[in-house]
PDB file of N, CA and C in Angstrom:
ATOM      1  N   MET A   1      18.998 -29.101 -45.735  1.00  0.00           N
ATOM      2  CA  MET A   1      19.486 -28.637 -44.473  1.00  0.00           C
ATOM      3  C   MET A   1      19.218 -27.141 -44.288  1.00  0.00           C
ATOM      4  N   ALA A   2      19.432 -26.373 -45.293  1.00  0.00           N
ATOM      5  CA  ALA A   2      19.236 -24.932 -45.203  1.00  0.00           C
ATOM      6  C   ALA A   2      17.773 -24.576 -44.986  1.00  0.00           C
ATOM      7  N   LYS A   3      16.848 -25.377 -45.558  1.00  0.00           N
ATOM      8  CA  LYS A   3      15.429 -25.085 -45.401  1.00  0.00           C
ATOM      9  C   LYS A   3      14.976 -25.226 -43.953  1.00  0.00           C
ATOM     10  N   SER A   4      15.438 -26.235 -43.245  1.00  0.00           N
ATOM     11  CA  SER A   4      14.997 -26.431 -41.860  1.00  0.00           C
ATOM     12  C   SER A   4      15.509 -25.296 -40.963  1.00  0.00           C
ATOM     13  N   ALA A   5      16.692 -24.777 -41.219  1.00  0.00           N
ATOM     14  CA  ALA A   5      17.216 -23.661 -40.431  1.00  0.00           C
ATOM     15  C   ALA A   5      16.393 -22.406 -40.686  1.00  0.00           C
ATOM     16  N   ASN A   6      15.958 -22.204 -41.957  1.00  0.00           N
ATOM     17  CA  ASN A   6      15.130 -21.050 -42.293  1.00  0.00           C
ATOM     18  C   ASN A   6      13.776 -21.085 -41.597  1.00  0.00           C
ATOM     19  N   LYS A   7      13.152 -22.264 -41.564  1.00  0.00           N
ATOM     20  CA  LYS A   7      11.831 -22.375 -40.965  1.00  0.00           C
ATOM     21  C   LYS A   7      11.869 -22.075 -39.469  1.00  0.00           C
ATOM     22  N   SER A   8      12.894 -22.536 -38.784  1.00  0.00           N
ATOM     23  CA  SER A   8      12.946 -22.285 -37.342  1.00  0.00           C
ATOM     24  C   SER A   8      13.147 -20.802 -37.043  1.00  0.00           C
ATOM     25  N   SER A   9      13.935 -20.114 -37.858  1.00  0.00           N
ATOM     26  CA  SER A   9      14.126 -18.686 -37.611  1.00  0.00           C
ATOM     27  C   SER A   9      12.882 -17.896 -37.994  1.00  0.00           C
ATOM     28  N   GLU A  10      12.112 -18.352 -38.995  1.00  0.00           N
ATOM     29  CA  GLU A  10      10.880 -17.674 -39.385  1.00  0.00           C
ATOM     30  C   GLU A  10       9.810 -17.830 -38.313  1.00  0.00           C
ATOM     31  N   SER A  11       9.764 -18.980 -37.652  1.00  0.00           N
ATOM     32  CA  SER A  11       8.726 -19.204 -36.649  1.00  0.00           C
ATOM     33  C   SER A  11       8.969 -18.355 -35.399  1.00  0.00           C
ATOM     34  N   LYS A  12      10.191 -17.973 -35.135  1.00  0.00           N
ATOM     35  CA  LYS A  12      10.490 -17.156 -33.959  1.00  0.00           C
ATOM     36  C   LYS A  12      10.121 -15.693 -34.184  1.00  0.00           C
ATOM     37  N   ALA A  13      10.248 -15.178 -35.368  1.00  0.00           N
ATOM     38  CA  ALA A  13      10.022 -13.768 -35.649  1.00  0.00           C
ATOM     39  C   ALA A  13       8.594 -13.306 -35.305  1.00  0.00           C
ATOM     40  N   PRO A  14       7.537 -14.016 -35.720  1.00  0.00           N
ATOM     41  CA  PRO A  14       6.195 -13.541 -35.399  1.00  0.00           C
ATOM     42  C   PRO A  14       5.910 -13.533 -33.896  1.00  0.00           C
ATOM     43  N   ALA A  15       6.514 -14.432 -33.147  1.00  0.00           N
ATOM     44  CA  ALA A  15       6.273 -14.469 -31.712  1.00  0.00           C
ATOM     45  C   ALA A  15       6.777 -13.194 -31.048  1.00  0.00           C
ATOM     46  N   LYS A  16       7.885 -12.669 -31.477  1.00  0.00           N
ATOM     47  CA  LYS A  16       8.415 -11.435 -30.907  1.00  0.00           C
ATOM     48  C   LYS A  16       7.520 -10.250 -31.244  1.00  0.00           C
ATOM     49  N   ALA A  17       6.999 -10.203 -32.447  1.00  0.00           N
ATOM     50  CA  ALA A  17       6.170  -9.092 -32.881  1.00  0.00           C
ATOM     51  C   ALA A  17       4.808  -9.114 -32.179  1.00  0.00           C
ATOM     52  N   ALA A  18       4.346 -10.302 -31.769  1.00  0.00           N
ATOM     53  CA  ALA A  18       3.026 -10.429 -31.164  1.00  0.00           C
ATOM     54  C   ALA A  18       3.001 -10.008 -29.693  1.00  0.00           C
ATOM     55  N   SER A  19       4.160  -9.903 -29.046  1.00  0.00           N
ATOM     56  CA  SER A  19       4.155  -9.530 -27.624  1.00  0.00           C
ATOM     57  C   SER A  19       3.689  -8.084 -27.471  1.00  0.00           C
ATOM     58  N   LYS A  20       2.898  -7.836 -26.405  1.00  0.00           N
ATOM     59  CA  LYS A  20       2.345  -6.498 -26.177  1.00  0.00           C
ATOM     60  C   LYS A  20       3.339  -5.642 -25.414  1.00  0.00           C
ATOM     61  N   PRO A  21       3.409  -4.375 -25.732  1.00  0.00           N
ATOM     62  CA  PRO A  21       4.260  -3.478 -24.934  1.00  0.00           C
ATOM     63  C   PRO A  21       3.657  -3.282 -23.542  1.00  0.00           C
ATOM     64  N   ALA A  22       4.471  -2.941 -22.575  1.00  0.00           N
ATOM     65  CA  ALA A  22       4.043  -2.806 -21.187  1.00  0.00           C
ATOM     66  C   ALA A  22       3.028  -1.674 -21.003  1.00  0.00           C
ATOM     67  N   ALA A  23       3.029  -0.684 -21.864  1.00  0.00           N
ATOM     68  CA  ALA A  23       2.162   0.478 -21.703  1.00  0.00           C
ATOM     69  C   ALA A  23       0.694   0.167 -21.983  1.00  0.00           C
ATOM     70  N   THR A  24       0.369  -0.972 -22.612  1.00  0.00           N
ATOM     71  CA  THR A  24      -1.011  -1.269 -22.959  1.00  0.00           C
ATOM     72  C   THR A  24      -1.682  -2.194 -21.947  1.00  0.00           C
ATOM     73  N   LYS A  25      -1.141  -2.305 -20.734  1.00  0.00           N
ATOM     74  CA  LYS A  25      -1.758  -3.154 -19.712  1.00  0.00           C
ATOM     75  C   LYS A  25      -3.092  -2.569 -19.281  1.00  0.00           C
ATOM     76  N   ALA A  26      -3.998  -3.455 -18.895  1.00  0.00           N
ATOM     77  CA  ALA A  26      -5.301  -3.011 -18.397  1.00  0.00           C
ATOM     78  C   ALA A  26      -5.115  -2.368 -17.028  1.00  0.00           C
ATOM     79  N   PRO A  27      -5.973  -1.410 -16.671  1.00  0.00           N
ATOM     80  CA  PRO A  27      -5.850  -0.782 -15.352  1.00  0.00           C
ATOM     81  C   PRO A  27      -6.051  -1.816 -14.246  1.00  0.00           C
ATOM     82  N   ARG A  28      -5.359  -1.625 -13.153  1.00  0.00           N
ATOM     83  CA  ARG A  28      -5.402  -2.556 -12.041  1.00  0.00           C
ATOM     84  C   ARG A  28      -6.739  -2.430 -11.313  1.00  0.00           C
ATOM     85  N   LYS A  29      -7.362  -3.569 -11.010  1.00  0.00           N
ATOM     86  CA  LYS A  29      -8.643  -3.552 -10.312  1.00  0.00           C
ATOM     87  C   LYS A  29      -8.394  -3.522  -8.811  1.00  0.00           C
ATOM     88  N   LEU A  30      -9.180  -2.731  -8.090  1.00  0.00           N
ATOM     89  CA  LEU A  30      -9.063  -2.643  -6.649  1.00  0.00           C
ATOM     90  C   LEU A  30      -9.839  -3.777  -6.005  1.00  0.00           C
ATOM     91  N   ASN A  31      -9.294  -4.303  -4.931  1.00  0.00           N
ATOM     92  CA  ASN A  31      -9.947  -5.352  -4.180  1.00  0.00           C
ATOM     93  C   ASN A  31     -11.138  -4.747  -3.441  1.00  0.00           C
ATOM     94  N   PRO A  32     -12.365  -5.259  -3.669  1.00  0.00           N
ATOM     95  CA  PRO A  32     -13.535  -4.680  -3.008  1.00  0.00           C
ATOM     96  C   PRO A  32     -13.465  -4.771  -1.483  1.00  0.00           C
ATOM     97  N   ALA A  33     -12.793  -5.788  -0.960  1.00  0.00           N
ATOM     98  CA  ALA A  33     -12.675  -5.921   0.492  1.00  0.00           C
ATOM     99  C   ALA A  33     -11.861  -4.774   1.083  1.00  0.00           C
ATOM    100  N   LEU A  34     -10.884  -4.262   0.340  1.00  0.00           N
ATOM    101  CA  LEU A  34     -10.079  -3.143   0.829  1.00  0.00           C
ATOM    102  C   LEU A  34     -10.844  -1.824   0.785  1.00  0.00           C
ATOM    103  N   MET A  35     -11.825  -1.739  -0.077  1.00  0.00           N
ATOM    104  CA  MET A  35     -12.555  -0.484  -0.240  1.00  0.00           C
ATOM    105  C   MET A  35     -13.808  -0.419   0.635  1.00  0.00           C
ATOM    106  N   LYS A  36     -14.065  -1.450   1.427  1.00  0.00           N
ATOM    107  CA  LYS A  36     -15.225  -1.452   2.318  1.00  0.00           C
ATOM    108  C   LYS A  36     -14.989  -0.455   3.447  1.00  0.00           C
ATOM    109  N   PRO A  37     -15.910   0.493   3.655  1.00  0.00           N
ATOM    110  CA  PRO A  37     -15.729   1.453   4.757  1.00  0.00           C
ATOM    111  C   PRO A  37     -15.769   0.754   6.115  1.00  0.00           C
ATOM    112  N   LEU A  38     -14.799   1.055   6.949  1.00  0.00           N
ATOM    113  CA  LEU A  38     -14.693   0.477   8.288  1.00  0.00           C
ATOM    114  C   LEU A  38     -14.743   1.595   9.321  1.00  0.00           C
ATOM    115  N   ARG A  39     -15.349   1.302  10.467  1.00  0.00           N
ATOM    116  CA  ARG A  39     -15.467   2.300  11.529  1.00  0.00           C
ATOM    117  C   ARG A  39     -14.219   2.251  12.404  1.00  0.00           C
ATOM    118  N   PRO A  40     -13.545   3.392  12.591  1.00  0.00           N
ATOM    119  CA  PRO A  40     -12.349   3.419  13.442  1.00  0.00           C
ATOM    120  C   PRO A  40     -12.710   3.400  14.935  1.00  0.00           C
ATOM    121  N   SER A  41     -11.801   2.865  15.735  1.00  0.00           N
ATOM    122  CA  SER A  41     -11.968   2.879  17.189  1.00  0.00           C
ATOM    123  C   SER A  41     -11.886   4.332  17.673  1.00  0.00           C
ATOM    124  N   PRO A  42     -12.293   4.605  18.911  1.00  0.00           N
ATOM    125  CA  PRO A  42     -12.194   5.991  19.415  1.00  0.00           C
ATOM    126  C   PRO A  42     -10.764   6.530  19.401  1.00  0.00           C
ATOM    127  N   GLU A  43      -9.771   5.658  19.661  1.00  0.00           N
ATOM    128  CA  GLU A  43      -8.361   6.098  19.643  1.00  0.00           C
ATOM    129  C   GLU A  43      -7.945   6.509  18.229  1.00  0.00           C
ATOM    130  N   LEU A  44      -8.322   5.702  17.241  1.00  0.00           N
ATOM    131  CA  LEU A  44      -7.968   6.003  15.847  1.00  0.00           C
ATOM    132  C   LEU A  44      -8.811   7.161  15.316  1.00  0.00           C
ATOM    133  N   ALA A  45     -10.053   7.282  15.799  1.00  0.00           N
ATOM    134  CA  ALA A  45     -10.924   8.371  15.355  1.00  0.00           C
ATOM    135  C   ALA A  45     -10.345   9.733  15.716  1.00  0.00           C
ATOM    136  N   ALA A  46      -9.526   9.799  16.758  1.00  0.00           N
ATOM    137  CA  ALA A  46      -8.878  11.061  17.122  1.00  0.00           C
ATOM    138  C   ALA A  46      -7.927  11.532  16.021  1.00  0.00           C
ATOM    139  N   LEU A  47      -7.440  10.604  15.203  1.00  0.00           N
ATOM    140  CA  LEU A  47      -6.535  10.945  14.098  1.00  0.00           C
ATOM    141  C   LEU A  47      -7.252  11.117  12.767  1.00  0.00           C
ATOM    142  N   VAL A  48      -8.213  10.222  12.468  1.00  0.00           N
ATOM    143  CA  VAL A  48      -8.793  10.179  11.124  1.00  0.00           C
ATOM    144  C   VAL A  48     -10.255  10.598  11.060  1.00  0.00           C
ATOM    145  N   GLY A  49     -10.870  10.858  12.199  1.00  0.00           N
ATOM    146  CA  GLY A  49     -12.288  11.188  12.222  1.00  0.00           C
ATOM    147  C   GLY A  49     -13.122   9.953  12.517  1.00  0.00           C
ATOM    148  N   SER A  50     -14.363  10.150  12.901  1.00  0.00           N
ATOM    149  CA  SER A  50     -15.199   9.029  13.330  1.00  0.00           C
ATOM    150  C   SER A  50     -16.020   8.404  12.213  1.00  0.00           C
ATOM    151  N   ALA A  51     -16.043   9.008  11.034  1.00  0.00           N
ATOM    152  CA  ALA A  51     -16.817   8.466   9.918  1.00  0.00           C
ATOM    153  C   ALA A  51     -16.150   7.194   9.382  1.00  0.00           C
ATOM    154  N   PRO A  52     -16.949   6.224   8.931  1.00  0.00           N
ATOM    155  CA  PRO A  52     -16.362   5.015   8.336  1.00  0.00           C
ATOM    156  C   PRO A  52     -15.559   5.361   7.077  1.00  0.00           C
ATOM    157  N   LEU A  53     -14.368   4.768   6.979  1.00  0.00           N
ATOM    158  CA  LEU A  53     -13.467   5.021   5.850  1.00  0.00           C
ATOM    159  C   LEU A  53     -12.895   3.709   5.331  1.00  0.00           C
ATOM    160  N   PRO A  54     -12.589   3.639   4.030  1.00  0.00           N
ATOM    161  CA  PRO A  54     -11.872   2.467   3.517  1.00  0.00           C
ATOM    162  C   PRO A  54     -10.451   2.435   4.089  1.00  0.00           C
ATOM    163  N   ARG A  55      -9.912   1.245   4.234  1.00  0.00           N
ATOM    164  CA  ARG A  55      -8.589   1.055   4.823  1.00  0.00           C
ATOM    165  C   ARG A  55      -7.512   1.931   4.174  1.00  0.00           C
ATOM    166  N   PRO A  56      -7.428   2.019   2.821  1.00  0.00           N
ATOM    167  CA  PRO A  56      -6.385   2.871   2.230  1.00  0.00           C
ATOM    168  C   PRO A  56      -6.484   4.339   2.643  1.00  0.00           C
ATOM    169  N   GLU A  57      -7.696   4.845   2.827  1.00  0.00           N
ATOM    170  CA  GLU A  57      -7.857   6.238   3.255  1.00  0.00           C
ATOM    171  C   GLU A  57      -7.407   6.434   4.693  1.00  0.00           C
ATOM    172  N   VAL A  58      -7.661   5.430   5.543  1.00  0.00           N
ATOM    173  CA  VAL A  58      -7.222   5.500   6.934  1.00  0.00           C
ATOM    174  C   VAL A  58      -5.704   5.584   6.978  1.00  0.00           C
ATOM    175  N   VAL A  59      -5.044   4.715   6.212  1.00  0.00           N
ATOM    176  CA  VAL A  59      -3.580   4.704   6.179  1.00  0.00           C
ATOM    177  C   VAL A  59      -3.047   6.039   5.662  1.00  0.00           C
ATOM    178  N   SER A  60      -3.687   6.596   4.638  1.00  0.00           N
ATOM    179  CA  SER A  60      -3.261   7.894   4.093  1.00  0.00           C
ATOM    180  C   SER A  60      -3.378   8.995   5.131  1.00  0.00           C
ATOM    181  N   LYS A  61      -4.471   9.004   5.883  1.00  0.00           N
ATOM    182  CA  LYS A  61      -4.662  10.045   6.894  1.00  0.00           C
ATOM    183  C   LYS A  61      -3.658   9.900   8.038  1.00  0.00           C
ATOM    184  N   VAL A  62      -3.327   8.662   8.396  1.00  0.00           N
ATOM    185  CA  VAL A  62      -2.322   8.451   9.442  1.00  0.00           C
ATOM    186  C   VAL A  62      -0.965   8.943   8.935  1.00  0.00           C
ATOM    187  N   TRP A  63      -0.644   8.662   7.664  1.00  0.00           N
ATOM    188  CA  TRP A  63       0.619   9.156   7.105  1.00  0.00           C
ATOM    189  C   TRP A  63       0.645  10.679   7.053  1.00  0.00           C
ATOM    190  N   GLU A  64      -0.486  11.313   6.764  1.00  0.00           N
ATOM    191  CA  GLU A  64      -0.546  12.785   6.789  1.00  0.00           C
ATOM    192  C   GLU A  64      -0.176  13.297   8.178  1.00  0.00           C
ATOM    193  N   HIS A  65      -0.722  12.649   9.210  1.00  0.00           N
ATOM    194  CA  HIS A  65      -0.425  13.038  10.598  1.00  0.00           C
ATOM    195  C   HIS A  65       1.064  12.847  10.905  1.00  0.00           C
ATOM    196  N   ILE A  66       1.617  11.725  10.435  1.00  0.00           N
ATOM    197  CA  ILE A  66       3.035  11.431  10.678  1.00  0.00           C
ATOM    198  C   ILE A  66       3.916  12.486  10.019  1.00  0.00           C
ATOM    199  N   LYS A  67       3.644  12.807   8.774  1.00  0.00           N
ATOM    200  CA  LYS A  67       4.450  13.793   8.032  1.00  0.00           C
ATOM    201  C   LYS A  67       4.281  15.199   8.620  1.00  0.00           C
ATOM    202  N   LYS A  68       3.036  15.564   8.936  1.00  0.00           N
ATOM    203  CA  LYS A  68       2.752  16.894   9.463  1.00  0.00           C
ATOM    204  C   LYS A  68       3.474  17.139  10.782  1.00  0.00           C
ATOM    205  N   ASN A  69       3.550  16.126  11.628  1.00  0.00           N
ATOM    206  CA  ASN A  69       4.161  16.258  12.951  1.00  0.00           C
ATOM    207  C   ASN A  69       5.599  15.749  13.010  1.00  0.00           C
ATOM    208  N   ASN A  70       6.166  15.443  11.843  1.00  0.00           N
ATOM    209  CA  ASN A  70       7.571  15.015  11.740  1.00  0.00           C
ATOM    210  C   ASN A  70       7.880  13.861  12.719  1.00  0.00           C
ATOM    211  N   LEU A  71       7.124  12.774  12.586  1.00  0.00           N
ATOM    212  CA  LEU A  71       7.239  11.658  13.519  1.00  0.00           C
ATOM    213  C   LEU A  71       8.126  10.520  13.013  1.00  0.00           C
ATOM    214  N   GLN A  72       8.707  10.659  11.825  1.00  0.00           N
ATOM    215  CA  GLN A  72       9.635   9.639  11.346  1.00  0.00           C
ATOM    216  C   GLN A  72      11.000   9.870  11.979  1.00  0.00           C
ATOM    217  N   ASN A  73      11.650   8.788  12.370  1.00  0.00           N
ATOM    218  CA  ASN A  73      12.994   8.863  12.933  1.00  0.00           C
ATOM    219  C   ASN A  73      13.930   9.379  11.832  1.00  0.00           C
ATOM    220  N   PRO A  74      14.652  10.472  12.049  1.00  0.00           N
ATOM    221  CA  PRO A  74      15.515  11.026  10.994  1.00  0.00           C
ATOM    222  C   PRO A  74      16.631  10.072  10.563  1.00  0.00           C
ATOM    223  N   SER A  75      17.128   9.236  11.469  1.00  0.00           N
ATOM    224  CA  SER A  75      18.211   8.320  11.104  1.00  0.00           C
ATOM    225  C   SER A  75      17.694   7.022  10.500  1.00  0.00           C
ATOM    226  N   ASN A  76      16.415   6.697  10.703  1.00  0.00           N
ATOM    227  CA  ASN A  76      15.816   5.485  10.143  1.00  0.00           C
ATOM    228  C   ASN A  76      14.370   5.827   9.775  1.00  0.00           C
ATOM    229  N   LYS A  77      14.155   6.240   8.532  1.00  0.00           N
ATOM    230  CA  LYS A  77      12.845   6.724   8.083  1.00  0.00           C
ATOM    231  C   LYS A  77      11.751   5.656   8.170  1.00  0.00           C
ATOM    232  N   ARG A  78      12.132   4.387   8.290  1.00  0.00           N
ATOM    233  CA  ARG A  78      11.134   3.324   8.403  1.00  0.00           C
ATOM    234  C   ARG A  78      10.503   3.266   9.792  1.00  0.00           C
ATOM    235  N   GLU A  79      11.114   3.920  10.759  1.00  0.00           N
ATOM    236  CA  GLU A  79      10.615   3.905  12.125  1.00  0.00           C
ATOM    237  C   GLU A  79       9.751   5.141  12.380  1.00  0.00           C
ATOM    238  N   ILE A  80       8.602   4.904  12.991  1.00  0.00           N
ATOM    239  CA  ILE A  80       7.686   5.990  13.325  1.00  0.00           C
ATOM    240  C   ILE A  80       7.700   6.154  14.839  1.00  0.00           C
ATOM    241  N   MET A  81       8.029   7.353  15.280  1.00  0.00           N
ATOM    242  CA  MET A  81       8.046   7.661  16.713  1.00  0.00           C
ATOM    243  C   MET A  81       6.670   8.214  17.069  1.00  0.00           C
ATOM    244  N   ALA A  82       5.941   7.515  17.910  1.00  0.00           N
ATOM    245  CA  ALA A  82       4.549   7.863  18.196  1.00  0.00           C
ATOM    246  C   ALA A  82       4.440   9.071  19.115  1.00  0.00           C
ATOM    247  N   ASP A  83       3.536   9.986  18.766  1.00  0.00           N
ATOM    248  CA  ASP A  83       3.168  11.058  19.691  1.00  0.00           C
ATOM    249  C   ASP A  83       2.055  10.506  20.590  1.00  0.00           C
ATOM    250  N   SER A  84       1.447  11.330  21.393  1.00  0.00           N
ATOM    251  CA  SER A  84       0.444  10.838  22.342  1.00  0.00           C
ATOM    252  C   SER A  84      -0.747  10.180  21.642  1.00  0.00           C
ATOM    253  N   LYS A  85      -1.193  10.740  20.506  1.00  0.00           N
ATOM    254  CA  LYS A  85      -2.323  10.154  19.778  1.00  0.00           C
ATOM    255  C   LYS A  85      -1.955   8.816  19.148  1.00  0.00           C
ATOM    256  N   LEU A  86      -0.798   8.767  18.494  1.00  0.00           N
ATOM    257  CA  LEU A  86      -0.382   7.522  17.847  1.00  0.00           C
ATOM    258  C   LEU A  86      -0.026   6.446  18.864  1.00  0.00           C
ATOM    259  N   GLU A  87       0.480   6.830  20.011  1.00  0.00           N
ATOM    260  CA  GLU A  87       0.842   5.850  21.029  1.00  0.00           C
ATOM    261  C   GLU A  87      -0.394   5.092  21.510  1.00  0.00           C
ATOM    262  N   LYS A  88      -1.540   5.765  21.562  1.00  0.00           N
ATOM    263  CA  LYS A  88      -2.786   5.098  21.939  1.00  0.00           C
ATOM    264  C   LYS A  88      -3.198   4.065  20.887  1.00  0.00           C
ATOM    265  N   VAL A  89      -2.914   4.364  19.627  1.00  0.00           N
ATOM    266  CA  VAL A  89      -3.255   3.445  18.538  1.00  0.00           C
ATOM    267  C   VAL A  89      -2.246   2.303  18.464  1.00  0.00           C
ATOM    268  N   PHE A  90      -0.955   2.628  18.518  1.00  0.00           N
ATOM    269  CA  PHE A  90       0.093   1.619  18.390  1.00  0.00           C
ATOM    270  C   PHE A  90       0.230   0.761  19.641  1.00  0.00           C
ATOM    271  N   GLY A  91      -0.016   1.355  20.800  1.00  0.00           N
ATOM    272  CA  GLY A  91       0.187   0.646  22.051  1.00  0.00           C
ATOM    273  C   GLY A  91       1.638   0.617  22.484  1.00  0.00           C
ATOM    274  N   LYS A  92       2.491   1.388  21.822  1.00  0.00           N
ATOM    275  CA  LYS A  92       3.909   1.497  22.167  1.00  0.00           C
ATOM    276  C   LYS A  92       4.452   2.812  21.630  1.00  0.00           C
ATOM    277  N   LYS A  93       5.679   3.130  22.014  1.00  0.00           N
ATOM    278  CA  LYS A  93       6.264   4.435  21.676  1.00  0.00           C
ATOM    279  C   LYS A  93       6.764   4.554  20.240  1.00  0.00           C
ATOM    280  N   SER A  94       7.076   3.415  19.596  1.00  0.00           N
ATOM    281  CA  SER A  94       7.516   3.465  18.202  1.00  0.00           C
ATOM    282  C   SER A  94       7.124   2.172  17.495  1.00  0.00           C
ATOM    283  N   ALA A  95       7.035   2.271  16.175  1.00  0.00           N
ATOM    284  CA  ALA A  95       6.706   1.118  15.338  1.00  0.00           C
ATOM    285  C   ALA A  95       7.306   1.353  13.968  1.00  0.00           C
ATOM    286  N   THR A  96       7.545   0.279  13.241  1.00  0.00           N
ATOM    287  CA  THR A  96       8.033   0.440  11.872  1.00  0.00           C
ATOM    288  C   THR A  96       6.831   0.650  10.957  1.00  0.00           C
ATOM    289  N   MET A  97       7.098   1.182   9.795  1.00  0.00           N
ATOM    290  CA  MET A  97       6.011   1.405   8.845  1.00  0.00           C
ATOM    291  C   MET A  97       5.381   0.088   8.412  1.00  0.00           C
ATOM    292  N   PHE A  98       6.132  -1.013   8.521  1.00  0.00           N
ATOM    293  CA  PHE A  98       5.612  -2.314   8.138  1.00  0.00           C
ATOM    294  C   PHE A  98       4.672  -2.858   9.214  1.00  0.00           C
ATOM    295  N   GLU A  99       4.901  -2.515  10.454  1.00  0.00           N
ATOM    296  CA  GLU A  99       4.018  -2.918  11.557  1.00  0.00           C
ATOM    297  C   GLU A  99       2.746  -2.078  11.586  1.00  0.00           C
ATOM    298  N   MET A 100       2.827  -0.877  11.069  1.00  0.00           N
ATOM    299  CA  MET A 100       1.743   0.080  11.207  1.00  0.00           C
ATOM    300  C   MET A 100       0.408  -0.470  10.704  1.00  0.00           C
ATOM    301  N   ASN A 101       0.373  -1.096   9.531  1.00  0.00           N
ATOM    302  CA  ASN A 101      -0.885  -1.597   8.985  1.00  0.00           C
ATOM    303  C   ASN A 101      -1.496  -2.652   9.892  1.00  0.00           C
ATOM    304  N   LYS A 102      -0.661  -3.508  10.463  1.00  0.00           N
ATOM    305  CA  LYS A 102      -1.145  -4.535  11.383  1.00  0.00           C
ATOM    306  C   LYS A 102      -1.728  -3.888  12.639  1.00  0.00           C
ATOM    307  N   LEU A 103      -1.053  -2.868  13.149  1.00  0.00           N
ATOM    308  CA  LEU A 103      -1.526  -2.181  14.345  1.00  0.00           C
ATOM    309  C   LEU A 103      -2.819  -1.399  14.071  1.00  0.00           C
ATOM    310  N   LEU A 104      -2.934  -0.828  12.883  1.00  0.00           N
ATOM    311  CA  LEU A 104      -4.157  -0.096  12.524  1.00  0.00           C
ATOM    312  C   LEU A 104      -5.344  -1.039  12.352  1.00  0.00           C
ATOM    313  N   ALA A 105      -5.096  -2.236  11.850  1.00  0.00           N
ATOM    314  CA  ALA A 105      -6.166  -3.202  11.615  1.00  0.00           C
ATOM    315  C   ALA A 105      -6.916  -3.540  12.894  1.00  0.00           C
ATOM    316  N   ALA A 106      -6.215  -3.534  14.026  1.00  0.00           N
ATOM    317  CA  ALA A 106      -6.859  -3.833  15.304  1.00  0.00           C
ATOM    318  C   ALA A 106      -7.851  -2.734  15.709  1.00  0.00           C
ATOM    319  N   HIS A 107      -7.767  -1.568  15.084  1.00  0.00           N
ATOM    320  CA  HIS A 107      -8.630  -0.437  15.426  1.00  0.00           C
ATOM    321  C   HIS A 107      -9.720  -0.179  14.386  1.00  0.00           C
ATOM    322  N   LEU A 108      -9.879  -1.092  13.419  1.00  0.00           N
ATOM    323  CA  LEU A 108     -10.896  -0.943  12.387  1.00  0.00           C
ATOM    324  C   LEU A 108     -11.884  -2.092  12.446  1.00  0.00           C
ATOM    325  N   LYS A 109     -13.170  -1.766  12.462  1.00  0.00           N
ATOM    326  CA  LYS A 109     -14.207  -2.817  12.474  1.00  0.00           C
ATOM    327  C   LYS A 109     -15.271  -2.517  11.473  1.00  0.00           C
TER     328      LYS A 109
END
């Protein structure tokens, strides 16, 4: 009886030692579709420039504009209050940060 209890506890020990620590994960691969340069519409080009840019760079430049011009609602930071340039892109006076990517996608080809 004692031998069977020993074997089960011995078989569990190596499994714990074999697990990898979280710090040794491989670097995350970027989706090539996200890194494809896209041409912005004339409305969006007023914010980010007319050169083709990958989607993440477009979003970063729009966020730079939002932060620089203090366009986040102070009582609800998730809401972006559009200035004249952003209103042309959004098509409305305000949008949430979650809607923003969807609204920007309509201006990228």
